[in-house]
Amino acid sequence: MRVVQLVEWRSDDEGESSFYLVTPEVCEELRALVAAGDKNAAWHLLKEKGDPLKVALKVEVAAF
């Protein structure tokens, strides 16, 4: 069994989201890089070690 986490990466310029499955260890590395302000390194790590989610996700938010 493999434990994975879902990571949403939102591009700053386009506002579009990509979703990746990563191990908890990679998720911690990503958090540390983003917290340090190194989003470029985080993006490269995500592309290298993440598995892109191949299905489309649709999230609807209802406002009441």
PDB file of N, CA and C in Angstrom:
ATOM      1  N   MET A   1       0.845  -1.182   0.000  1.00  0.00           N
ATOM      2  CA  MET A   1       0.000   0.000   0.000  1.00  0.00           C
ATOM      3  C   MET A   1       0.887   1.241   0.000  1.00  0.00           C
ATOM      4  N   ARG A   2       0.470   2.238  -0.738  1.00  0.00           N
ATOM      5  CA  ARG A   2       1.227   3.482  -0.849  1.00  0.00           C
ATOM      6  C   ARG A   2       0.352   4.641  -0.376  1.00  0.00           C
ATOM      7  N   VAL A   3       0.876   5.437   0.527  1.00  0.00           N
ATOM      8  CA  VAL A   3       0.149   6.619   1.011  1.00  0.00           C
ATOM      9  C   VAL A   3       0.546   7.794   0.132  1.00  0.00           C
ATOM     10  N   VAL A   4      -0.455   8.499  -0.380  1.00  0.00           N
ATOM     11  CA  VAL A   4      -0.195   9.673  -1.221  1.00  0.00           C
ATOM     12  C   VAL A   4      -1.057  10.837  -0.757  1.00  0.00           C
ATOM     13  N   GLN A   5      -0.650  12.022  -1.158  1.00  0.00           N
ATOM     14  CA  GLN A   5      -1.418  13.224  -0.878  1.00  0.00           C
ATOM     15  C   GLN A   5      -1.704  13.925  -2.199  1.00  0.00           C
ATOM     16  N   LEU A   6      -2.812  14.613  -2.242  1.00  0.00           N
ATOM     17  CA  LEU A   6      -3.200  15.368  -3.428  1.00  0.00           C
ATOM     18  C   LEU A   6      -2.711  16.804  -3.275  1.00  0.00           C
ATOM     19  N   VAL A   7      -1.962  17.268  -4.260  1.00  0.00           N
ATOM     20  CA  VAL A   7      -1.434  18.631  -4.251  1.00  0.00           C
ATOM     21  C   VAL A   7      -2.047  19.393  -5.411  1.00  0.00           C
ATOM     22  N   GLU A   8      -2.557  20.581  -5.126  1.00  0.00           N
ATOM     23  CA  GLU A   8      -3.054  21.471  -6.179  1.00  0.00           C
ATOM     24  C   GLU A   8      -1.994  22.527  -6.435  1.00  0.00           C
ATOM     25  N   TRP A   9      -1.581  22.646  -7.686  1.00  0.00           N
ATOM     26  CA  TRP A   9      -0.630  23.684  -8.063  1.00  0.00           C
ATOM     27  C   TRP A   9      -1.366  24.687  -8.927  1.00  0.00           C
ATOM     28  N   ARG A  10      -1.416  25.910  -8.479  1.00  0.00           N
ATOM     29  CA  ARG A  10      -2.114  26.964  -9.223  1.00  0.00           C
ATOM     30  C   ARG A  10      -1.076  27.908  -9.820  1.00  0.00           C
ATOM     31  N   SER A  11      -1.121  28.044 -11.138  1.00  0.00           N
ATOM     32  CA  SER A  11      -0.171  28.938 -11.794  1.00  0.00           C
ATOM     33  C   SER A  11      -0.579  30.382 -11.511  1.00  0.00           C
ATOM     34  N   ASP A  12       0.404  31.203 -11.217  1.00  0.00           N
ATOM     35  CA  ASP A  12       0.144  32.610 -10.888  1.00  0.00           C
ATOM     36  C   ASP A  12      -0.377  33.388 -12.086  1.00  0.00           C
ATOM     37  N   ASP A  13       0.174  33.111 -13.270  1.00  0.00           N
ATOM     38  CA  ASP A  13      -0.188  33.914 -14.431  1.00  0.00           C
ATOM     39  C   ASP A  13      -1.548  33.530 -15.015  1.00  0.00           C
ATOM     40  N   GLU A  14      -1.850  32.257 -15.065  1.00  0.00           N
ATOM     41  CA  GLU A  14      -3.068  31.828 -15.741  1.00  0.00           C
ATOM     42  C   GLU A  14      -4.226  31.551 -14.785  1.00  0.00           C
ATOM     43  N   GLY A  15      -3.928  31.312 -13.524  1.00  0.00           N
ATOM     44  CA  GLY A  15      -4.962  31.022 -12.558  1.00  0.00           C
ATOM     45  C   GLY A  15      -5.547  29.621 -12.687  1.00  0.00           C
ATOM     46  N   GLU A  16      -4.926  28.774 -13.532  1.00  0.00           N
ATOM     47  CA  GLU A  16      -5.406  27.416 -13.707  1.00  0.00           C
ATOM     48  C   GLU A  16      -4.727  26.498 -12.702  1.00  0.00           C
ATOM     49  N   SER A  17      -5.422  25.426 -12.335  1.00  0.00           N
ATOM     50  CA  SER A  17      -4.890  24.475 -11.365  1.00  0.00           C
ATOM     51  C   SER A  17      -4.510  23.166 -12.037  1.00  0.00           C
ATOM     52  N   SER A  18      -3.439  22.573 -11.541  1.00  0.00           N
ATOM     53  CA  SER A  18      -3.031  21.219 -11.906  1.00  0.00           C
ATOM     54  C   SER A  18      -2.998  20.422 -10.613  1.00  0.00           C
ATOM     55  N   PHE A  19      -3.327  19.145 -10.698  1.00  0.00           N
ATOM     56  CA  PHE A  19      -3.358  18.305  -9.512  1.00  0.00           C
ATOM     57  C   PHE A  19      -2.357  17.173  -9.654  1.00  0.00           C
ATOM     58  N   TYR A  20      -1.634  16.903  -8.568  1.00  0.00           N
ATOM     59  CA  TYR A  20      -0.613  15.862  -8.566  1.00  0.00           C
ATOM     60  C   TYR A  20      -0.760  15.014  -7.315  1.00  0.00           C
ATOM     61  N   LEU A  21      -0.404  13.740  -7.431  1.00  0.00           N
ATOM     62  CA  LEU A  21      -0.306  12.856  -6.279  1.00  0.00           C
ATOM     63  C   LEU A  21       1.162  12.771  -5.894  1.00  0.00           C
ATOM     64  N   VAL A  22       1.450  12.974  -4.613  1.00  0.00           N
ATOM     65  CA  VAL A  22       2.827  12.918  -4.122  1.00  0.00           C
ATOM     66  C   VAL A  22       2.868  12.148  -2.808  1.00  0.00           C
ATOM     67  N   THR A  23       4.047  11.686  -2.452  1.00  0.00           N
ATOM     68  CA  THR A  23       4.218  11.037  -1.150  1.00  0.00           C
ATOM     69  C   THR A  23       4.222  12.116  -0.069  1.00  0.00           C
ATOM     70  N   PRO A  24       3.951  11.738   1.174  1.00  0.00           N
ATOM     71  CA  PRO A  24       3.992  12.732   2.257  1.00  0.00           C
ATOM     72  C   PRO A  24       5.364  13.407   2.374  1.00  0.00           C
ATOM     73  N   GLU A  25       6.440  12.678   2.085  1.00  0.00           N
ATOM     74  CA  GLU A  25       7.781  13.263   2.167  1.00  0.00           C
ATOM     75  C   GLU A  25       7.972  14.356   1.125  1.00  0.00           C
ATOM     76  N   VAL A  26       7.509  14.098  -0.092  1.00  0.00           N
ATOM     77  CA  VAL A  26       7.613  15.100  -1.151  1.00  0.00           C
ATOM     78  C   VAL A  26       6.743  16.305  -0.813  1.00  0.00           C
ATOM     79  N   CYS A  27       5.585  16.063  -0.236  1.00  0.00           N
ATOM     80  CA  CYS A  27       4.699  17.155   0.158  1.00  0.00           C
ATOM     81  C   CYS A  27       5.392  18.066   1.174  1.00  0.00           C
ATOM     82  N   GLU A  28       6.105  17.487   2.120  1.00  0.00           N
ATOM     83  CA  GLU A  28       6.836  18.301   3.102  1.00  0.00           C
ATOM     84  C   GLU A  28       7.938  19.112   2.432  1.00  0.00           C
ATOM     85  N   GLU A  29       8.647  18.501   1.473  1.00  0.00           N
ATOM     86  CA  GLU A  29       9.676  19.233   0.730  1.00  0.00           C
ATOM     87  C   GLU A  29       9.058  20.407  -0.025  1.00  0.00           C
ATOM     88  N   LEU A  30       7.908  20.165  -0.654  1.00  0.00           N
ATOM     89  CA  LEU A  30       7.218  21.230  -1.383  1.00  0.00           C
ATOM     90  C   LEU A  30       6.827  22.370  -0.453  1.00  0.00           C
ATOM     91  N   ARG A  31       6.284  22.029   0.707  1.00  0.00           N
ATOM     92  CA  ARG A  31       5.893  23.065   1.678  1.00  0.00           C
ATOM     93  C   ARG A  31       7.080  23.911   2.102  1.00  0.00           C
ATOM     94  N   ALA A  32       8.219  23.251   2.343  1.00  0.00           N
ATOM     95  CA  ALA A  32       9.415  23.968   2.778  1.00  0.00           C
ATOM     96  C   ALA A  32       9.915  24.909   1.676  1.00  0.00           C
ATOM     97  N   LEU A  33       9.896  24.440   0.422  1.00  0.00           N
ATOM     98  CA  LEU A  33      10.359  25.278  -0.681  1.00  0.00           C
ATOM     99  C   LEU A  33       9.439  26.479  -0.889  1.00  0.00           C
ATOM    100  N   VAL A  34       8.141  26.255  -0.835  1.00  0.00           N
ATOM    101  CA  VAL A  34       7.191  27.356  -1.012  1.00  0.00           C
ATOM    102  C   VAL A  34       7.303  28.347   0.146  1.00  0.00           C
ATOM    103  N   ALA A  35       7.449  27.833   1.371  1.00  0.00           N
ATOM    104  CA  ALA A  35       7.594  28.718   2.539  1.00  0.00           C
ATOM    105  C   ALA A  35       8.865  29.561   2.438  1.00  0.00           C
ATOM    106  N   ALA A  36       9.902  28.999   1.805  1.00  0.00           N
ATOM    107  CA  ALA A  36      11.159  29.740   1.637  1.00  0.00           C
ATOM    108  C   ALA A  36      11.101  30.690   0.445  1.00  0.00           C
ATOM    109  N   GLY A  37       9.969  30.671  -0.278  1.00  0.00           N
ATOM    110  CA  GLY A  37       9.813  31.568  -1.411  1.00  0.00           C
ATOM    111  C   GLY A  37      10.377  31.035  -2.718  1.00  0.00           C
ATOM    112  N   ASP A  38      10.759  29.761  -2.756  1.00  0.00           N
ATOM    113  CA  ASP A  38      11.365  29.185  -3.962  1.00  0.00           C
ATOM    114  C   ASP A  38      10.333  28.359  -4.730  1.00  0.00           C
ATOM    115  N   LYS A  39       9.352  29.048  -5.309  1.00  0.00           N
ATOM    116  CA  LYS A  39       8.290  28.360  -6.029  1.00  0.00           C
ATOM    117  C   LYS A  39       8.806  27.665  -7.293  1.00  0.00           C
ATOM    118  N   ASN A  40       9.845  28.212  -7.904  1.00  0.00           N
ATOM    119  CA  ASN A  40      10.414  27.596  -9.102  1.00  0.00           C
ATOM    120  C   ASN A  40      10.972  26.205  -8.782  1.00  0.00           C
ATOM    121  N   ALA A  41      11.725  26.088  -7.695  1.00  0.00           N
ATOM    122  CA  ALA A  41      12.271  24.793  -7.288  1.00  0.00           C
ATOM    123  C   ALA A  41      11.153  23.837  -6.892  1.00  0.00           C
ATOM    124  N   ALA A  42      10.103  24.364  -6.244  1.00  0.00           N
ATOM    125  CA  ALA A  42       8.965  23.532  -5.861  1.00  0.00           C
ATOM    126  C   ALA A  42       8.272  22.971  -7.099  1.00  0.00           C
ATOM    127  N   TRP A  43       8.107  23.808  -8.123  1.00  0.00           N
ATOM    128  CA  TRP A  43       7.461  23.376  -9.361  1.00  0.00           C
ATOM    129  C   TRP A  43       8.266  22.257 -10.033  1.00  0.00           C
ATOM    130  N   HIS A  44       9.588  22.425 -10.077  1.00  0.00           N
ATOM    131  CA  HIS A  44      10.438  21.396 -10.691  1.00  0.00           C
ATOM    132  C   HIS A  44      10.405  20.092  -9.894  1.00  0.00           C
ATOM    133  N   LEU A  45      10.379  20.190  -8.569  1.00  0.00           N
ATOM    134  CA  LEU A  45      10.270  18.996  -7.729  1.00  0.00           C
ATOM    135  C   LEU A  45       8.939  18.292  -7.966  1.00  0.00           C
ATOM    136  N   LEU A  46       7.878  19.060  -8.063  1.00  0.00           N
ATOM    137  CA  LEU A  46       6.554  18.493  -8.293  1.00  0.00           C
ATOM    138  C   LEU A  46       6.490  17.789  -9.644  1.00  0.00           C
ATOM    139  N   LYS A  47       7.049  18.399 -10.684  1.00  0.00           N
ATOM    140  CA  LYS A  47       7.047  17.767 -12.006  1.00  0.00           C
ATOM    141  C   LYS A  47       7.911  16.506 -12.020  1.00  0.00           C
ATOM    142  N   GLU A  48       9.000  16.513 -11.236  1.00  0.00           N
ATOM    143  CA  GLU A  48       9.916  15.376 -11.214  1.00  0.00           C
ATOM    144  C   GLU A  48       9.362  14.202 -10.405  1.00  0.00           C
ATOM    145  N   LYS A  49       8.789  14.489  -9.236  1.00  0.00           N
ATOM    146  CA  LYS A  49       8.400  13.418  -8.316  1.00  0.00           C
ATOM    147  C   LYS A  49       6.903  13.220  -8.161  1.00  0.00           C
ATOM    148  N   GLY A  50       6.097  14.096  -8.749  1.00  0.00           N
ATOM    149  CA  GLY A  50       4.650  13.975  -8.630  1.00  0.00           C
ATOM    150  C   GLY A  50       4.061  13.203  -9.796  1.00  0.00           C
ATOM    151  N   ASP A  51       2.945  12.555  -9.542  1.00  0.00           N
ATOM    152  CA  ASP A  51       2.194  11.873 -10.596  1.00  0.00           C
ATOM    153  C   ASP A  51       1.002  12.751 -10.942  1.00  0.00           C
ATOM    154  N   PRO A  52       0.957  13.288 -12.176  1.00  0.00           N
ATOM    155  CA  PRO A  52      -0.175  14.144 -12.538  1.00  0.00           C
ATOM    156  C   PRO A  52      -1.481  13.359 -12.504  1.00  0.00           C
ATOM    157  N   LEU A  53      -2.490  13.981 -11.968  1.00  0.00           N
ATOM    158  CA  LEU A  53      -3.815  13.363 -11.919  1.00  0.00           C
ATOM    159  C   LEU A  53      -4.386  13.404 -13.328  1.00  0.00           C
ATOM    160  N   LYS A  54      -4.790  12.259 -13.834  1.00  0.00           N
ATOM    161  CA  LYS A  54      -5.218  12.157 -15.227  1.00  0.00           C
ATOM    162  C   LYS A  54      -6.714  12.359 -15.420  1.00  0.00           C
ATOM    163  N   VAL A  55      -7.426  12.601 -14.363  1.00  0.00           N
ATOM    164  CA  VAL A  55      -8.874  12.793 -14.487  1.00  0.00           C
ATOM    165  C   VAL A  55      -9.209  14.251 -14.219  1.00  0.00           C
ATOM    166  N   ALA A  56     -10.263  14.693 -14.791  1.00  0.00           N
ATOM    167  CA  ALA A  56     -10.698  16.077 -14.578  1.00  0.00           C
ATOM    168  C   ALA A  56     -11.447  16.172 -13.258  1.00  0.00           C
ATOM    169  N   LEU A  57     -11.143  17.190 -12.499  1.00  0.00           N
ATOM    170  CA  LEU A  57     -11.844  17.448 -11.248  1.00  0.00           C
ATOM    171  C   LEU A  57     -12.700  18.682 -11.426  1.00  0.00           C
ATOM    172  N   LYS A  58     -13.904  18.607 -10.960  1.00  0.00           N
ATOM    173  CA  LYS A  58     -14.776  19.780 -11.000  1.00  0.00           C
ATOM    174  C   LYS A  58     -15.251  20.034  -9.581  1.00  0.00           C
ATOM    175  N   VAL A  59     -14.958  21.209  -9.093  1.00  0.00           N
ATOM    176  CA  VAL A  59     -15.348  21.581  -7.744  1.00  0.00           C
ATOM    177  C   VAL A  59     -16.381  22.694  -7.853  1.00  0.00           C
ATOM    178  N   GLU A  60     -17.504  22.491  -7.211  1.00  0.00           N
ATOM    179  CA  GLU A  60     -18.539  23.510  -7.212  1.00  0.00           C
ATOM    180  C   GLU A  60     -18.710  24.026  -5.786  1.00  0.00           C
ATOM    181  N   VAL A  61     -18.788  25.317  -5.674  1.00  0.00           N
ATOM    182  CA  VAL A  61     -18.980  25.942  -4.370  1.00  0.00           C
ATOM    183  C   VAL A  61     -20.353  26.607  -4.376  1.00  0.00           C
ATOM    184  N   ALA A  62     -21.154  26.232  -3.435  1.00  0.00           N
ATOM    185  CA  ALA A  62     -22.491  26.825  -3.340  1.00  0.00           C
ATOM    186  C   ALA A  62     -22.468  27.935  -2.287  1.00  0.00           C
ATOM    187  N   ALA A  63     -22.988  29.066  -2.656  1.00  0.00           N
ATOM    188  CA  ALA A  63     -23.075  30.186  -1.717  1.00  0.00           C
ATOM    189  C   ALA A  63     -24.518  30.311  -1.241  1.00  0.00           C
ATOM    190  N   PHE A  64     -24.693  30.429   0.050  1.00  0.00           N
ATOM    191  CA  PHE A  64     -26.033  30.561   0.615  1.00  0.00           C
ATOM    192  C   PHE A  64     -26.187  31.897   1.284  1.00  0.00           C
TER     193      PHE A  64
END
